[in-house]
């Protein structure tokens, strides 16, 4: 903020910043003090040791009282060092702002402006040590990154479906297309991963309607057999019901419905995403197999 000094005589009307019209009428330069310097050095030593103890204890999995205490003591010591260092680095000043007569204002303007006050020359080694320990503490906080756990992977984006994996029942029996009758539905899993929840699939044989886009027709067997993820894209409940007359899959948790003839797009309820379609075909032995994993995210959206 800036303001004009109305009583400044020849300087009237001049706009200054918030502190340029403050003038020093007295200052006390702190004398050199070995005691104060010793306090700064001691506090920096403690802070530096704690800056090393904290990440090491965190990495080794030591109790909270060890690395937490090291962090707390180190920050306290660093604060003490900063405080004691700057107490001796700048003079203590008394400053006033000219307000009454123009003459008094001119007398004050002959004094030193606050903006011209400079720090006291002291040992530069202390300043460098202070910056170094503060930087060491900053680096030590990077150990928090490792404590957050392993690097995120795409594990949540993958299921147990692999190219060539047969579609099997809960008992592990592989299925042929003829095993699912007209209007029938079956819950299947990839062979070798039975009952793995995120890999559950609904195998549906449509009766009254033929699949059409956005259904991927290349993944439809016998023109009427389609497979979709069993996990509802709203809250992750199992989609367990099929209404044959209008080819609708139904989630009983929150009444979301999906059109099985049109790529399992939602037609009612709170969900906004279609059920992912499983790439499917028939192998040389006549069994239903997956062509690969789902190409879309299974279950509720995340990330």
Protein backbone atom coordinates (compact mmCIF):
# COMPACT_ATOMS: atom_id res chain seq x y z
CA UNK A 1 0.00 0.00 0.00
CA UNK A 2 1.24 3.58 -0.72
CA UNK A 3 0.32 6.96 0.61
CA UNK A 4 1.24 10.66 0.12
CA UNK A 5 2.82 12.65 2.94
CA UNK A 6 0.78 15.88 3.25
CA UNK A 7 3.29 17.69 5.51
CA UNK A 8 6.45 17.16 3.57
CA UNK A 9 6.88 20.68 2.20
CA UNK A 10 8.71 20.44 -1.10
CA UNK A 11 8.15 16.70 -1.05
CA UNK A 12 4.39 17.04 -0.76
CA UNK A 13 2.43 14.87 -3.13
CA UNK A 14 5.21 12.31 -3.45
CA UNK A 15 3.89 8.76 -3.21
CA UNK A 16 5.95 6.29 -1.19
CA UNK A 17 5.70 2.65 -0.25
CA UNK A 18 4.48 1.43 3.14
CA UNK A 19 7.85 1.82 4.89
CA UNK A 20 9.79 4.49 2.99
CA UNK A 21 8.38 7.30 5.21
CA UNK A 22 9.65 5.66 8.40
CA UNK A 23 12.90 7.18 9.68
CA UNK A 24 15.34 5.84 12.23
CA UNK A 25 15.73 8.03 15.33
CA UNK A 26 17.80 5.51 17.25
CA UNK A 27 19.33 2.11 16.86
CA UNK A 28 21.24 -0.31 19.02
CA UNK A 29 23.70 -2.56 17.26
CA UNK A 30 24.02 -5.90 19.05
CA UNK A 31 27.61 -6.44 20.16
CA UNK A 32 29.48 -9.56 19.04
CA UNK A 33 28.63 -12.40 21.39
CA UNK A 34 30.51 -15.66 21.56
CA UNK A 35 27.73 -17.00 23.76
CA UNK A 36 25.11 -16.33 21.11
CA UNK A 37 27.31 -17.79 18.38
CA UNK A 38 27.83 -20.89 20.53
CA UNK A 39 24.07 -21.25 20.96
CA UNK A 40 23.59 -21.02 17.20
CA UNK A 41 26.30 -23.60 16.51
CA UNK A 42 24.97 -25.96 19.19
CA UNK A 43 21.42 -25.73 17.91
CA UNK A 44 22.62 -26.35 14.35
CA UNK A 45 24.56 -29.43 15.44
CA UNK A 46 21.47 -30.85 17.16
CA UNK A 47 19.31 -30.02 14.14
CA UNK A 48 21.81 -31.61 11.76
CA UNK A 49 22.01 -34.84 13.80
CA UNK A 50 18.23 -35.04 13.97
CA UNK A 51 17.98 -34.42 10.23
CA UNK A 52 19.99 -37.63 9.78
CA UNK A 53 18.36 -39.65 12.56
CA UNK A 54 14.84 -38.97 11.32
CA UNK A 55 15.07 -40.52 7.80
CA UNK A 56 17.31 -43.38 8.98
CA UNK A 57 14.85 -44.32 11.75
CA UNK A 58 11.96 -44.07 9.31
CA UNK A 59 13.75 -46.28 6.78
CA UNK A 60 14.61 -48.90 9.42
CA UNK A 61 11.02 -48.96 10.65
CA UNK A 62 11.88 -47.89 14.19
CA UNK A 63 9.08 -46.85 16.57
CA UNK A 64 7.24 -43.59 16.04
CA UNK A 65 8.75 -42.11 19.19
CA UNK A 66 12.21 -42.41 17.60
CA UNK A 67 11.71 -40.80 14.20
CA UNK A 68 8.89 -38.56 15.39
CA UNK A 69 10.96 -37.37 18.32
CA UNK A 70 13.95 -36.81 16.05
CA UNK A 71 11.85 -34.70 13.70
CA UNK A 72 10.35 -32.63 16.53
CA UNK A 73 13.63 -32.01 18.33
CA UNK A 74 15.38 -31.19 15.06
CA UNK A 75 12.79 -28.64 13.99
CA UNK A 76 12.88 -27.04 17.44
CA UNK A 77 16.66 -26.80 17.35
CA UNK A 78 16.56 -25.32 13.85
CA UNK A 79 14.03 -22.73 15.01
CA UNK A 80 16.25 -21.79 17.95
CA UNK A 81 19.25 -21.44 15.64
CA UNK A 82 17.34 -19.19 13.23
CA UNK A 83 16.04 -17.05 16.07
CA UNK A 84 19.41 -16.59 17.77
CA UNK A 85 21.18 -15.97 14.46
CA UNK A 86 18.89 -13.15 13.35
CA UNK A 87 18.79 -11.54 16.79
CA UNK A 88 22.48 -10.76 16.33
CA UNK A 89 22.24 -10.07 12.61
CA UNK A 90 20.15 -6.87 12.64
CA UNK A 91 20.19 -3.82 14.90
CA UNK A 92 17.28 -2.97 17.14
CA UNK A 93 15.86 0.32 15.83
CA UNK A 94 13.36 2.97 16.83
CA UNK A 95 11.62 4.60 13.86
CA UNK A 96 8.94 7.28 13.51
CA UNK A 97 6.76 8.61 10.74
CA UNK A 98 6.60 12.39 10.13
CA UNK A 99 3.04 13.59 10.72
CA UNK A 100 2.86 17.11 12.26
CA UNK A 101 4.81 20.08 10.91
CA UNK A 102 6.66 20.40 7.64
CA UNK A 103 9.78 21.50 9.52
CA UNK A 104 9.75 18.43 11.70
CA UNK A 105 9.23 16.32 8.64
CA UNK A 106 12.25 17.85 6.92
CA UNK A 107 14.40 17.22 10.02
CA UNK A 108 13.39 13.58 10.03
CA UNK A 109 14.10 13.24 6.34
CA UNK A 110 17.69 14.03 7.10
CA UNK A 111 17.74 10.83 9.19
CA UNK A 112 18.26 7.29 7.90
CA UNK A 113 15.21 5.69 6.26
CA UNK A 114 14.27 2.28 7.56
CA UNK A 115 14.86 0.85 4.10
CA UNK A 116 18.56 1.79 4.41
CA UNK A 117 19.13 -0.20 7.60
CA UNK A 118 21.55 -3.00 6.86
CA UNK A 119 22.38 -6.17 8.67
CA UNK A 120 25.32 -6.29 11.04
CA UNK A 121 28.49 -7.83 9.71
CA UNK A 122 28.96 -11.16 11.43
CA UNK A 123 30.69 -14.44 10.77
CA UNK A 124 29.61 -15.60 7.35
CA UNK A 125 30.33 -19.20 8.37
CA UNK A 126 27.30 -19.19 10.66
CA UNK A 127 25.02 -18.10 7.84
CA UNK A 128 26.31 -20.79 5.52
CA UNK A 129 25.94 -23.40 8.26
CA UNK A 130 22.37 -22.29 8.87
CA UNK A 131 21.49 -22.59 5.19
CA UNK A 132 23.25 -25.96 4.97
CA UNK A 133 21.39 -27.50 7.92
CA UNK A 134 18.07 -26.11 6.69
CA UNK A 135 18.77 -27.71 3.30
CA UNK A 136 19.68 -31.00 4.98
CA UNK A 137 16.37 -30.95 6.79
CA UNK A 138 14.59 -30.28 3.53
CA UNK A 139 16.27 -33.31 1.97
CA UNK A 140 15.42 -35.49 4.97
CA UNK A 141 11.72 -34.84 4.46
CA UNK A 142 11.97 -36.67 1.13
CA UNK A 143 11.98 -39.86 3.22
CA UNK A 144 8.25 -39.31 3.61
CA UNK A 145 7.91 -40.28 -0.05
CA UNK A 146 9.29 -43.76 0.59
CA UNK A 147 7.01 -44.19 3.60
CA UNK A 148 3.95 -43.72 1.38
CA UNK A 149 4.39 -47.24 0.07
CA UNK A 150 5.48 -48.87 -3.18
CA UNK A 151 5.22 -47.11 -6.48
CA UNK A 152 1.69 -47.31 -7.88
CA UNK A 153 1.30 -49.91 -10.60
CA UNK A 154 -1.41 -50.87 -13.05
CA UNK A 155 -2.51 -53.78 -10.86
CA UNK A 156 -5.96 -52.30 -10.29
CA UNK A 157 -6.40 -51.89 -14.03
CA UNK A 158 -5.74 -55.59 -14.78
CA UNK A 159 -7.72 -58.74 -14.07
CA UNK A 160 -6.85 -62.45 -14.37
CA UNK A 161 -8.08 -62.72 -17.95
CA UNK A 162 -5.34 -63.57 -20.45
CA UNK A 163 -5.30 -64.51 -24.13
CA UNK A 164 -6.38 -68.14 -24.46
CA UNK A 165 -7.80 -68.42 -20.93
CA UNK A 166 -10.85 -70.68 -21.01
CA UNK A 167 -14.14 -69.57 -19.52
CA UNK A 168 -14.95 -71.98 -16.68
CA UNK A 169 -17.72 -72.41 -14.14
CA UNK A 170 -17.32 -72.14 -10.38
CA UNK A 171 -16.43 -75.82 -10.37
CA UNK A 172 -13.68 -75.22 -12.92
CA UNK A 173 -15.45 -76.84 -15.86
CA UNK A 174 -14.77 -75.22 -19.25
CA UNK A 175 -17.77 -74.18 -21.31
CA UNK A 176 -18.75 -74.60 -24.92
CA UNK A 177 -21.14 -72.16 -26.62
CA UNK A 178 -23.92 -74.76 -26.57
CA UNK A 179 -23.72 -74.97 -22.77
CA UNK A 180 -25.58 -71.67 -22.49
CA UNK A 181 -29.15 -71.98 -23.71
CA UNK A 182 -31.26 -69.29 -25.36
CA UNK A 183 -32.02 -66.60 -22.80
CA UNK A 184 -29.60 -68.24 -20.41
CA UNK A 185 -26.92 -66.60 -18.26
CA UNK A 186 -23.89 -68.03 -16.44
CA UNK A 187 -21.23 -66.63 -14.16
CA UNK A 188 -17.76 -67.66 -15.31
CA UNK A 189 -14.12 -67.05 -14.45
CA UNK A 190 -10.79 -67.50 -16.23
CA UNK A 191 -9.36 -70.99 -15.90
CA UNK A 192 -6.94 -71.06 -12.97
CA UNK A 193 -8.52 -67.99 -11.32
CA UNK A 194 -11.91 -69.27 -10.21
CA UNK A 195 -13.72 -67.03 -7.70
CA UNK A 196 -11.28 -64.16 -8.22
CA UNK A 197 -13.76 -61.33 -7.71
CA UNK A 198 -12.54 -58.76 -10.21
CA UNK A 199 -12.48 -61.40 -12.96
CA UNK A 200 -16.09 -62.56 -12.62
CA UNK A 201 -17.97 -62.43 -15.94
CA UNK A 202 -21.60 -62.80 -16.96
CA UNK A 203 -22.02 -64.98 -20.03
CA UNK A 204 -25.34 -64.11 -21.67
CA UNK A 205 -27.22 -65.78 -24.54
CA UNK A 206 -29.59 -63.21 -26.06
CA UNK A 207 -32.93 -64.40 -27.40
CA UNK A 208 -35.25 -61.61 -28.54
CA UNK A 209 -32.56 -59.23 -29.84
CA UNK A 210 -29.28 -59.42 -31.69
CA UNK A 211 -26.20 -57.59 -30.40
CA UNK A 212 -25.49 -54.27 -32.06
CA UNK A 213 -23.04 -51.41 -31.50
CA UNK A 214 -21.63 -50.24 -29.21
CA UNK A 215 -21.26 -54.00 -28.62
CA UNK A 216 -18.00 -55.18 -30.17
CA UNK A 217 -19.42 -57.71 -32.63
CA UNK A 218 -16.00 -59.32 -33.15
CA UNK A 219 -16.20 -60.54 -29.55
CA UNK A 220 -19.66 -62.09 -29.95
CA UNK A 221 -19.90 -65.87 -30.40
CA UNK A 222 -22.70 -67.50 -32.41
CA UNK A 223 -24.12 -64.00 -33.04
CA UNK A 224 -25.97 -64.05 -29.68
CA UNK A 225 -23.46 -65.02 -26.97
CA UNK A 226 -21.80 -62.07 -25.21
CA UNK A 227 -19.74 -61.69 -22.04
CA UNK A 228 -19.60 -58.70 -19.70
CA UNK A 229 -17.90 -57.94 -16.40
CA UNK A 230 -20.11 -58.93 -13.47
CA UNK A 231 -18.94 -55.96 -11.36
CA UNK A 232 -21.29 -53.00 -11.43
CA UNK A 233 -19.61 -49.79 -12.54
CA UNK A 234 -21.48 -47.79 -9.88
CA UNK A 235 -20.46 -49.26 -6.51
CA UNK A 236 -18.89 -52.61 -7.37
CA UNK A 237 -21.86 -54.82 -6.49
CA UNK A 238 -22.35 -58.06 -8.47
CA UNK A 239 -24.69 -57.75 -11.44
CA UNK A 240 -26.61 -60.95 -10.91
CA UNK A 241 -29.95 -60.75 -12.73
CA UNK A 242 -30.91 -60.99 -16.40
CA UNK A 243 -34.34 -60.07 -17.77
CA UNK A 244 -34.69 -62.02 -20.98
CA UNK A 245 -37.66 -60.23 -22.56
CA UNK A 246 -35.75 -56.96 -23.00
CA UNK A 247 -32.16 -58.24 -22.65
CA UNK A 248 -31.45 -56.20 -19.53
CA UNK A 249 -28.81 -56.95 -16.89
CA UNK A 250 -29.79 -55.74 -13.45
CA UNK A 251 -27.75 -54.79 -10.36
CA UNK A 252 -29.82 -55.35 -7.19
CA UNK A 253 -27.82 -52.96 -4.99
CA UNK A 254 -28.90 -49.63 -6.49
CA UNK A 255 -31.15 -50.75 -9.35
CA UNK A 256 -28.80 -49.93 -12.19
CA UNK A 257 -29.76 -51.63 -15.46
CA UNK A 258 -27.64 -52.37 -18.53
CA UNK A 259 -28.66 -53.18 -22.09
CA UNK A 260 -26.88 -56.46 -22.89
CA UNK A 261 -27.69 -56.12 -26.60
CA UNK A 262 -26.02 -52.70 -26.87
CA UNK A 263 -22.66 -53.04 -25.20
CA UNK A 264 -24.19 -53.17 -21.68
CA UNK A 265 -24.71 -49.42 -21.68
CA UNK A 266 -26.61 -48.13 -18.62
CA UNK A 267 -30.33 -47.52 -19.18
CA UNK A 268 -31.44 -46.76 -15.63
CA UNK A 269 -30.03 -46.07 -12.19
CA UNK A 270 -27.08 -44.15 -10.79
CA UNK A 271 -24.29 -45.64 -12.86
CA UNK A 272 -22.90 -43.74 -15.84
CA UNK A 273 -20.56 -46.34 -17.39
CA UNK A 274 -21.22 -49.49 -19.38
CA UNK A 275 -20.10 -52.89 -18.18
CA UNK A 276 -16.81 -53.75 -19.91
CA UNK A 277 -17.16 -56.43 -22.57
CA UNK A 278 -14.81 -59.42 -22.47
CA UNK A 279 -13.02 -60.19 -25.75
CA UNK A 280 -14.20 -63.76 -26.46
CA UNK A 281 -13.86 -66.48 -29.09
CA UNK A 282 -13.82 -70.28 -29.43
CA UNK A 283 -10.58 -72.31 -29.40
CA UNK A 284 -9.74 -75.28 -31.63
CA UNK A 285 -11.28 -77.68 -29.11
CA UNK A 286 -14.58 -75.83 -29.21
CA UNK A 287 -14.31 -74.20 -25.77
CA UNK A 288 -14.98 -70.54 -25.06
CA UNK A 289 -11.77 -68.59 -24.48
CA UNK A 290 -10.79 -65.01 -23.81
CA UNK A 291 -8.85 -63.10 -26.43
CA UNK A 292 -7.30 -60.98 -23.70
CA UNK A 293 -8.11 -58.85 -20.70
CA UNK A 294 -10.83 -56.20 -20.59
CA UNK A 295 -9.94 -53.12 -22.58
CA UNK A 296 -11.85 -50.84 -20.21
CA UNK A 297 -11.69 -50.29 -16.47
CA UNK A 298 -13.58 -52.89 -14.44
CA UNK A 299 -15.86 -51.77 -11.62
CA UNK A 300 -16.31 -48.24 -10.22
CA UNK A 301 -14.21 -45.46 -11.67
CA UNK A 302 -11.08 -44.37 -9.80
CA UNK A 303 -8.09 -42.12 -10.34
